[in-house]
Amino acid sequence: MYVASYLSGYTDGEGCFTVSFSPRIKLRTGWEVRPSFSVSQNADRSEVLQLMLEYFGCGGIRPDRSDRTLKYEVRDLGHLLERVIPHFERYPLLSGKRGDFLRFAKVCELIRVRAHLTEPGLRTIVELALAMNISGRRKFTAERLLEHRNLKL
């Protein structure tokens, strides 16, 4: 329990739940939806990233060139649904980041039931994703994400 609680607390400070979108002409909605859980740390303090890799038993550690840190990241939907999300439901975050996590968990469930392949489902996912990490940068606006098939918020 000690390690599990520690990892939740660490994630509260250094972690991120995010949903990214990539244009994909061949997809029905025109967008690929990719949820991701990540935690960044300087290389000289990367032991906690190794601990996360061992604890969750999935994901990987890679260099993040944008800020010269290392990043532990899980992008596989099955691993997010079966390992990461249940952990944070059992050992909840205590900061405002909890709201991002709850939205993230909803997005992952919507993807699991293939709602992202429908216009109403994509609209819901975009709304949830844009309500997350509000201080972060966005590559696409809601209007751009939803204009492909004339989707309206």
N, C-alpha and C. Protein backbone atom coordinates (compact mmCIF):
# COMPACT_ATOMS: atom_id res chain seq x y z
N MET A 1 0.82 -1.19 0.00
CA MET A 1 0.00 0.00 0.00
C MET A 1 0.87 1.26 0.00
N TYR A 2 1.99 1.22 0.71
CA TYR A 2 2.87 2.39 0.79
C TYR A 2 3.29 2.85 -0.60
N VAL A 3 3.76 1.92 -1.44
CA VAL A 3 4.22 2.27 -2.78
C VAL A 3 3.06 2.81 -3.61
N ALA A 4 1.91 2.18 -3.54
CA ALA A 4 0.75 2.61 -4.33
C ALA A 4 0.35 4.03 -3.97
N SER A 5 0.28 4.33 -2.68
CA SER A 5 -0.08 5.68 -2.25
C SER A 5 0.99 6.69 -2.66
N TYR A 6 2.25 6.30 -2.55
CA TYR A 6 3.35 7.18 -2.96
C TYR A 6 3.24 7.52 -4.44
N LEU A 7 2.97 6.51 -5.27
CA LEU A 7 2.88 6.74 -6.71
C LEU A 7 1.72 7.66 -7.06
N SER A 8 0.62 7.55 -6.34
CA SER A 8 -0.49 8.47 -6.57
C SER A 8 -0.09 9.89 -6.19
N GLY A 9 0.56 10.05 -5.06
CA GLY A 9 1.00 11.37 -4.65
C GLY A 9 2.02 11.95 -5.61
N TYR A 10 2.92 11.13 -6.07
CA TYR A 10 3.92 11.59 -7.03
C TYR A 10 3.26 12.03 -8.33
N THR A 11 2.29 11.25 -8.77
CA THR A 11 1.54 11.60 -9.98
C THR A 11 0.79 12.91 -9.79
N ASP A 12 0.27 13.14 -8.60
CA ASP A 12 -0.43 14.39 -8.33
C ASP A 12 0.47 15.59 -8.63
N GLY A 13 1.76 15.45 -8.37
CA GLY A 13 2.67 16.55 -8.60
C GLY A 13 3.32 16.56 -9.98
N GLU A 14 3.64 15.40 -10.51
CA GLU A 14 4.46 15.33 -11.73
C GLU A 14 3.80 14.60 -12.89
N GLY A 15 2.58 14.13 -12.71
CA GLY A 15 1.93 13.32 -13.75
C GLY A 15 0.98 14.09 -14.62
N CYS A 16 0.55 13.43 -15.69
CA CYS A 16 -0.38 14.06 -16.63
C CYS A 16 -1.26 12.99 -17.28
N PHE A 17 -2.54 13.25 -17.30
CA PHE A 17 -3.50 12.45 -18.05
C PHE A 17 -3.91 13.31 -19.24
N THR A 18 -3.71 12.81 -20.42
CA THR A 18 -4.00 13.64 -21.59
C THR A 18 -4.65 12.82 -22.70
N VAL A 19 -5.33 13.52 -23.58
CA VAL A 19 -5.94 12.91 -24.76
C VAL A 19 -5.47 13.75 -25.95
N SER A 20 -4.79 13.11 -26.89
CA SER A 20 -4.33 13.83 -28.08
C SER A 20 -5.12 13.38 -29.30
N PHE A 21 -5.11 14.24 -30.29
CA PHE A 21 -5.85 14.00 -31.53
C PHE A 21 -4.91 14.16 -32.71
N SER A 22 -4.99 13.22 -33.64
CA SER A 22 -4.20 13.31 -34.88
C SER A 22 -5.13 13.15 -36.06
N PRO A 23 -4.98 14.00 -37.08
CA PRO A 23 -5.84 13.86 -38.26
C PRO A 23 -5.58 12.54 -38.97
N ARG A 24 -6.64 11.83 -39.30
CA ARG A 24 -6.55 10.57 -40.03
C ARG A 24 -7.69 10.53 -41.03
N ILE A 25 -7.38 10.84 -42.27
CA ILE A 25 -8.39 10.95 -43.33
C ILE A 25 -9.19 9.66 -43.48
N LYS A 26 -8.54 8.52 -43.29
CA LYS A 26 -9.21 7.24 -43.52
C LYS A 26 -10.20 6.86 -42.42
N LEU A 27 -10.14 7.53 -41.28
CA LEU A 27 -11.08 7.23 -40.21
C LEU A 27 -12.40 7.97 -40.43
N ARG A 28 -13.46 7.35 -40.02
CA ARG A 28 -14.82 7.87 -40.23
C ARG A 28 -14.97 9.30 -39.72
N THR A 29 -14.43 9.57 -38.53
CA THR A 29 -14.57 10.91 -37.96
C THR A 29 -13.43 11.83 -38.38
N GLY A 30 -12.41 11.28 -39.01
CA GLY A 30 -11.28 12.10 -39.46
C GLY A 30 -10.19 12.30 -38.42
N TRP A 31 -10.36 11.71 -37.22
CA TRP A 31 -9.39 11.91 -36.14
C TRP A 31 -9.07 10.60 -35.43
N GLU A 32 -7.80 10.42 -35.12
CA GLU A 32 -7.38 9.35 -34.22
C GLU A 32 -7.34 9.95 -32.82
N VAL A 33 -7.89 9.24 -31.86
CA VAL A 33 -7.94 9.71 -30.47
C VAL A 33 -6.99 8.84 -29.65
N ARG A 34 -6.03 9.48 -28.95
CA ARG A 34 -5.02 8.72 -28.22
C ARG A 34 -4.90 9.19 -26.77
N PRO A 35 -5.40 8.41 -25.83
CA PRO A 35 -5.21 8.75 -24.42
C PRO A 35 -3.81 8.33 -23.96
N SER A 36 -3.28 9.06 -22.99
CA SER A 36 -1.94 8.78 -22.50
C SER A 36 -1.83 9.21 -21.04
N PHE A 37 -1.16 8.38 -20.25
CA PHE A 37 -0.80 8.72 -18.88
C PHE A 37 0.72 8.82 -18.84
N SER A 38 1.24 9.92 -18.29
CA SER A 38 2.70 10.07 -18.24
C SER A 38 3.13 10.79 -16.97
N VAL A 39 4.39 10.52 -16.61
CA VAL A 39 5.03 11.18 -15.49
C VAL A 39 6.44 11.53 -15.93
N SER A 40 6.85 12.78 -15.73
CA SER A 40 8.19 13.23 -16.13
C SER A 40 9.06 13.46 -14.91
N GLN A 41 10.38 13.28 -15.14
CA GLN A 41 11.35 13.50 -14.08
C GLN A 41 12.72 13.70 -14.70
N ASN A 42 13.56 14.46 -14.02
CA ASN A 42 14.95 14.62 -14.46
C ASN A 42 15.65 13.27 -14.38
N ALA A 43 16.60 13.06 -15.28
CA ALA A 43 17.29 11.76 -15.37
C ALA A 43 17.98 11.39 -14.06
N ASP A 44 18.49 12.37 -13.33
CA ASP A 44 19.21 12.06 -12.09
C ASP A 44 18.27 11.64 -10.95
N ARG A 45 16.97 11.71 -11.18
CA ARG A 45 15.98 11.27 -10.18
C ARG A 45 14.98 10.31 -10.80
N SER A 46 15.43 9.52 -11.72
CA SER A 46 14.52 8.67 -12.50
C SER A 46 14.12 7.37 -11.81
N GLU A 47 14.59 7.13 -10.60
CA GLU A 47 14.24 5.89 -9.90
C GLU A 47 12.73 5.71 -9.78
N VAL A 48 12.02 6.81 -9.55
CA VAL A 48 10.56 6.70 -9.39
C VAL A 48 9.90 6.27 -10.70
N LEU A 49 10.46 6.66 -11.84
CA LEU A 49 9.90 6.23 -13.12
C LEU A 49 10.08 4.72 -13.29
N GLN A 50 11.23 4.22 -12.88
CA GLN A 50 11.48 2.77 -12.92
C GLN A 50 10.51 2.05 -11.97
N LEU A 51 10.27 2.64 -10.81
CA LEU A 51 9.32 2.07 -9.86
C LEU A 51 7.92 1.99 -10.48
N MET A 52 7.51 3.04 -11.20
CA MET A 52 6.19 3.03 -11.86
C MET A 52 6.13 1.94 -12.93
N LEU A 53 7.19 1.82 -13.71
CA LEU A 53 7.24 0.79 -14.75
C LEU A 53 7.08 -0.59 -14.12
N GLU A 54 7.76 -0.83 -13.03
CA GLU A 54 7.66 -2.12 -12.34
C GLU A 54 6.29 -2.31 -11.70
N TYR A 55 5.78 -1.28 -11.06
CA TYR A 55 4.49 -1.37 -10.37
C TYR A 55 3.34 -1.64 -11.34
N PHE A 56 3.26 -0.85 -12.40
CA PHE A 56 2.16 -1.01 -13.34
C PHE A 56 2.39 -2.18 -14.30
N GLY A 57 3.63 -2.55 -14.53
CA GLY A 57 3.93 -3.68 -15.41
C GLY A 57 3.59 -3.40 -16.86
N CYS A 58 3.64 -2.15 -17.26
CA CYS A 58 3.32 -1.77 -18.64
C CYS A 58 3.91 -0.39 -18.91
N GLY A 59 3.81 0.03 -20.15
CA GLY A 59 4.33 1.34 -20.52
C GLY A 59 5.82 1.29 -20.76
N GLY A 60 6.43 2.46 -20.80
CA GLY A 60 7.86 2.54 -21.04
C GLY A 60 8.41 3.87 -20.58
N ILE A 61 9.73 3.95 -20.55
CA ILE A 61 10.43 5.17 -20.17
C ILE A 61 11.20 5.63 -21.40
N ARG A 62 11.07 6.91 -21.71
CA ARG A 62 11.74 7.45 -22.90
C ARG A 62 12.20 8.88 -22.61
N PRO A 63 13.19 9.36 -23.38
CA PRO A 63 13.59 10.76 -23.23
C PRO A 63 12.51 11.67 -23.79
N ASP A 64 12.30 12.80 -23.14
CA ASP A 64 11.38 13.81 -23.63
C ASP A 64 12.23 15.00 -24.07
N ARG A 65 12.42 15.13 -25.37
CA ARG A 65 13.31 16.17 -25.90
C ARG A 65 12.78 17.57 -25.65
N SER A 66 11.47 17.72 -25.44
CA SER A 66 10.91 19.06 -25.27
C SER A 66 11.44 19.75 -24.01
N ASP A 67 11.73 18.98 -22.97
CA ASP A 67 12.23 19.61 -21.74
C ASP A 67 13.42 18.86 -21.15
N ARG A 68 14.02 17.96 -21.92
CA ARG A 68 15.20 17.20 -21.53
C ARG A 68 15.02 16.43 -20.23
N THR A 69 13.85 15.83 -20.06
CA THR A 69 13.58 14.96 -18.92
C THR A 69 13.37 13.55 -19.45
N LEU A 70 13.13 12.64 -18.53
CA LEU A 70 12.68 11.30 -18.90
C LEU A 70 11.19 11.24 -18.61
N LYS A 71 10.50 10.42 -19.37
CA LYS A 71 9.05 10.32 -19.22
C LYS A 71 8.66 8.84 -19.16
N TYR A 72 7.90 8.49 -18.12
CA TYR A 72 7.23 7.20 -18.06
C TYR A 72 5.88 7.41 -18.70
N GLU A 73 5.51 6.54 -19.65
CA GLU A 73 4.26 6.76 -20.38
C GLU A 73 3.55 5.44 -20.66
N VAL A 74 2.22 5.47 -20.51
CA VAL A 74 1.36 4.34 -20.87
C VAL A 74 0.35 4.87 -21.87
N ARG A 75 0.32 4.23 -23.05
CA ARG A 75 -0.61 4.65 -24.10
C ARG A 75 -1.56 3.53 -24.54
N ASP A 76 -1.24 2.32 -24.19
CA ASP A 76 -2.07 1.18 -24.58
C ASP A 76 -3.41 1.23 -23.84
N LEU A 77 -4.50 1.24 -24.60
CA LEU A 77 -5.83 1.38 -24.00
C LEU A 77 -6.12 0.27 -22.99
N GLY A 78 -5.78 -0.96 -23.33
CA GLY A 78 -6.02 -2.07 -22.41
C GLY A 78 -5.29 -1.88 -21.09
N HIS A 79 -4.03 -1.46 -21.16
CA HIS A 79 -3.27 -1.23 -19.94
C HIS A 79 -3.82 -0.04 -19.14
N LEU A 80 -4.26 0.99 -19.84
CA LEU A 80 -4.86 2.12 -19.14
C LEU A 80 -6.12 1.68 -18.39
N LEU A 81 -6.97 0.90 -19.07
CA LEU A 81 -8.23 0.46 -18.47
C LEU A 81 -8.05 -0.60 -17.40
N GLU A 82 -7.08 -1.46 -17.56
CA GLU A 82 -6.93 -2.60 -16.64
C GLU A 82 -5.96 -2.35 -15.50
N ARG A 83 -5.02 -1.41 -15.66
CA ARG A 83 -4.00 -1.22 -14.64
C ARG A 83 -3.95 0.21 -14.09
N VAL A 84 -3.86 1.18 -14.97
CA VAL A 84 -3.66 2.56 -14.53
C VAL A 84 -4.93 3.13 -13.89
N ILE A 85 -6.04 3.07 -14.60
CA ILE A 85 -7.28 3.65 -14.07
C ILE A 85 -7.71 2.99 -12.77
N PRO A 86 -7.71 1.64 -12.67
CA PRO A 86 -8.08 1.04 -11.38
C PRO A 86 -7.17 1.48 -10.22
N HIS A 87 -5.89 1.68 -10.51
CA HIS A 87 -4.99 2.15 -9.45
C HIS A 87 -5.45 3.49 -8.89
N PHE A 88 -5.73 4.44 -9.80
CA PHE A 88 -6.10 5.78 -9.34
C PHE A 88 -7.53 5.84 -8.80
N GLU A 89 -8.34 4.86 -9.10
CA GLU A 89 -9.65 4.76 -8.44
C GLU A 89 -9.47 4.26 -7.01
N ARG A 90 -8.52 3.35 -6.80
CA ARG A 90 -8.28 2.80 -5.46
C ARG A 90 -7.44 3.76 -4.60
N TYR A 91 -6.48 4.44 -5.23
CA TYR A 91 -5.60 5.38 -4.54
C TYR A 91 -5.75 6.75 -5.20
N PRO A 92 -6.82 7.47 -4.87
CA PRO A 92 -7.18 8.68 -5.62
C PRO A 92 -6.19 9.82 -5.45
N LEU A 93 -6.13 10.63 -6.49
CA LEU A 93 -5.38 11.88 -6.45
C LEU A 93 -6.12 12.84 -5.52
N LEU A 94 -5.37 13.74 -4.90
CA LEU A 94 -5.98 14.64 -3.93
C LEU A 94 -6.05 16.08 -4.40
N SER A 95 -5.44 16.38 -5.52
CA SER A 95 -5.46 17.76 -6.03
C SER A 95 -6.54 17.91 -7.09
N GLY A 96 -6.56 19.08 -7.71
CA GLY A 96 -7.48 19.33 -8.82
C GLY A 96 -7.23 18.42 -10.01
N LYS A 97 -6.08 17.77 -10.03
CA LYS A 97 -5.77 16.84 -11.11
C LYS A 97 -6.74 15.65 -11.11
N ARG A 98 -7.42 15.44 -10.00
CA ARG A 98 -8.41 14.35 -9.93
C ARG A 98 -9.50 14.54 -10.98
N GLY A 99 -9.92 15.78 -11.22
CA GLY A 99 -10.92 16.05 -12.25
C GLY A 99 -10.43 15.64 -13.62
N ASP A 100 -9.16 15.93 -13.92
CA ASP A 100 -8.58 15.50 -15.19
C ASP A 100 -8.60 13.98 -15.29
N PHE A 101 -8.24 13.32 -14.19
CA PHE A 101 -8.25 11.85 -14.19
C PHE A 101 -9.65 11.31 -14.47
N LEU A 102 -10.66 11.88 -13.82
CA LEU A 102 -12.03 11.38 -14.01
C LEU A 102 -12.48 11.56 -15.46
N ARG A 103 -12.14 12.69 -16.06
CA ARG A 103 -12.46 12.91 -17.48
C ARG A 103 -11.69 11.93 -18.36
N PHE A 104 -10.43 11.72 -18.04
CA PHE A 104 -9.58 10.79 -18.77
C PHE A 104 -10.17 9.38 -18.73
N ALA A 105 -10.60 8.95 -17.54
CA ALA A 105 -11.18 7.61 -17.39
C ALA A 105 -12.45 7.48 -18.25
N LYS A 106 -13.26 8.55 -18.31
CA LYS A 106 -14.46 8.52 -19.16
C LYS A 106 -14.09 8.40 -20.63
N VAL A 107 -13.06 9.16 -21.05
CA VAL A 107 -12.62 9.09 -22.44
C VAL A 107 -12.16 7.67 -22.77
N CYS A 108 -11.37 7.08 -21.90
CA CYS A 108 -10.88 5.71 -22.15
C CYS A 108 -12.05 4.73 -22.27
N GLU A 109 -13.05 4.89 -21.44
CA GLU A 109 -14.22 4.01 -21.52
C GLU A 109 -14.98 4.25 -22.81
N LEU A 110 -15.12 5.49 -23.23
CA LEU A 110 -15.79 5.79 -24.50
C LEU A 110 -15.04 5.17 -25.68
N ILE A 111 -13.72 5.21 -25.62
CA ILE A 111 -12.94 4.58 -26.68
C ILE A 111 -13.11 3.06 -26.64
N ARG A 112 -13.15 2.51 -25.43
CA ARG A 112 -13.34 1.05 -25.29
C ARG A 112 -14.61 0.59 -25.99
N VAL A 113 -15.68 1.38 -25.89
CA VAL A 113 -16.95 1.00 -26.52
C VAL A 113 -17.06 1.56 -27.94
N ARG A 114 -15.94 2.08 -28.45
CA ARG A 114 -15.80 2.54 -29.83
C ARG A 114 -16.63 3.78 -30.15
N ALA A 115 -16.96 4.55 -29.10
CA ALA A 115 -17.74 5.77 -29.31
C ALA A 115 -16.94 6.82 -30.09
N HIS A 116 -15.63 6.76 -30.04
CA HIS A 116 -14.80 7.74 -30.76
C HIS A 116 -14.95 7.62 -32.27
N LEU A 117 -15.55 6.53 -32.73
CA LEU A 117 -15.75 6.31 -34.16
C LEU A 117 -17.07 6.90 -34.65
N THR A 118 -17.82 7.51 -33.75
CA THR A 118 -19.09 8.14 -34.12
C THR A 118 -18.98 9.64 -33.88
N GLU A 119 -19.77 10.39 -34.60
CA GLU A 119 -19.74 11.84 -34.43
C GLU A 119 -20.17 12.28 -33.03
N PRO A 120 -21.26 11.73 -32.47
CA PRO A 120 -21.63 12.14 -31.10
C PRO A 120 -20.57 11.74 -30.08
N GLY A 121 -19.99 10.56 -30.26
CA GLY A 121 -18.95 10.11 -29.33
C GLY A 121 -17.72 10.98 -29.41
N LEU A 122 -17.30 11.32 -30.62
CA LEU A 122 -16.14 12.19 -30.79
C LEU A 122 -16.42 13.55 -30.16
N ARG A 123 -17.60 14.08 -30.34
CA ARG A 123 -17.98 15.37 -29.76
C ARG A 123 -17.82 15.32 -28.23
N THR A 124 -18.32 14.26 -27.62
CA THR A 124 -18.22 14.10 -26.16
C THR A 124 -16.76 14.01 -25.73
N ILE A 125 -15.96 13.25 -26.47
CA ILE A 125 -14.54 13.10 -26.14
C ILE A 125 -13.81 14.43 -26.26
N VAL A 126 -14.09 15.17 -27.31
CA VAL A 126 -13.46 16.49 -27.48
C VAL A 126 -13.82 17.40 -26.31
N GLU A 127 -15.07 17.42 -25.92
CA GLU A 127 -15.49 18.25 -24.79
C GLU A 127 -14.74 17.87 -23.52
N LEU A 128 -14.65 16.56 -23.25
CA LEU A 128 -13.95 16.09 -22.06
C LEU A 128 -12.46 16.44 -22.13
N ALA A 129 -11.84 16.17 -23.28
CA ALA A 129 -10.41 16.40 -23.43
C ALA A 129 -10.05 17.88 -23.30
N LEU A 130 -10.86 18.75 -23.86
CA LEU A 130 -10.56 20.17 -23.79
C LEU A 130 -10.81 20.75 -22.40
N ALA A 131 -11.53 20.04 -21.55
CA ALA A 131 -11.73 20.47 -20.17
C ALA A 131 -10.58 20.00 -19.27
N MET A 132 -9.67 19.19 -19.82
CA MET A 132 -8.52 18.69 -19.07
C MET A 132 -7.32 19.60 -19.29
N ASN A 133 -6.43 19.64 -18.30
CA ASN A 133 -5.15 20.34 -18.43
C ASN A 133 -5.33 21.73 -19.05
N ILE A 134 -6.21 22.49 -18.46
CA ILE A 134 -6.59 23.77 -19.08
C ILE A 134 -5.44 24.76 -19.17
N SER A 135 -4.37 24.56 -18.41
CA SER A 135 -3.23 25.47 -18.51
C SER A 135 -2.23 25.03 -19.58
N GLY A 136 -2.48 23.86 -20.19
CA GLY A 136 -1.56 23.35 -21.20
C GLY A 136 -1.81 23.92 -22.58
N ARG A 137 -0.86 23.65 -23.48
CA ARG A 137 -0.99 24.11 -24.87
C ARG A 137 -1.81 23.10 -25.66
N ARG A 138 -2.52 23.58 -26.66
CA ARG A 138 -3.33 22.73 -27.52
C ARG A 138 -2.92 22.94 -28.97
N LYS A 139 -2.81 21.84 -29.67
CA LYS A 139 -2.46 21.91 -31.09
C LYS A 139 -3.69 22.25 -31.93
N PHE A 140 -4.86 21.72 -31.50
CA PHE A 140 -6.09 21.93 -32.26
C PHE A 140 -7.16 22.53 -31.35
N THR A 141 -7.95 23.44 -31.90
CA THR A 141 -9.08 24.00 -31.17
C THR A 141 -10.27 23.04 -31.29
N ALA A 142 -11.26 23.26 -30.46
CA ALA A 142 -12.48 22.45 -30.57
C ALA A 142 -13.09 22.62 -31.95
N GLU A 143 -13.08 23.83 -32.44
CA GLU A 143 -13.67 24.08 -33.76
C GLU A 143 -12.96 23.27 -34.84
N ARG A 144 -11.63 23.24 -34.79
CA ARG A 144 -10.86 22.48 -35.78
C ARG A 144 -11.12 20.98 -35.65
N LEU A 145 -11.20 20.49 -34.42
CA LEU A 145 -11.43 19.06 -34.20
C LEU A 145 -12.81 18.64 -34.70
N LEU A 146 -13.77 19.52 -34.59
CA LEU A 146 -15.14 19.14 -34.92
C LEU A 146 -15.57 19.57 -36.32
N GLU A 147 -14.78 20.36 -37.01
CA GLU A 147 -15.19 20.84 -38.32
C GLU A 147 -15.12 19.76 -39.40
N HIS A 148 -14.32 18.74 -39.20
CA HIS A 148 -14.11 17.73 -40.24
C HIS A 148 -15.41 17.18 -40.80
N ARG A 149 -16.31 16.86 -39.91
CA ARG A 149 -17.61 16.31 -40.35
C ARG A 149 -18.76 17.22 -39.97
N ASN A 150 -18.44 18.51 -39.88
CA ASN A 150 -19.44 19.50 -39.48
C ASN A 150 -20.07 19.19 -38.14
N LEU A 151 -19.24 18.70 -37.21
CA LEU A 151 -19.71 18.43 -35.86
C LEU A 151 -19.82 19.75 -35.12
N LYS A 152 -20.79 19.89 -34.27
CA LYS A 152 -20.98 21.12 -33.51
C LYS A 152 -20.92 20.81 -32.03
N LEU A 153 -20.27 21.69 -31.28
CA LEU A 153 -20.24 21.52 -29.81
C LEU A 153 -21.58 21.87 -29.22
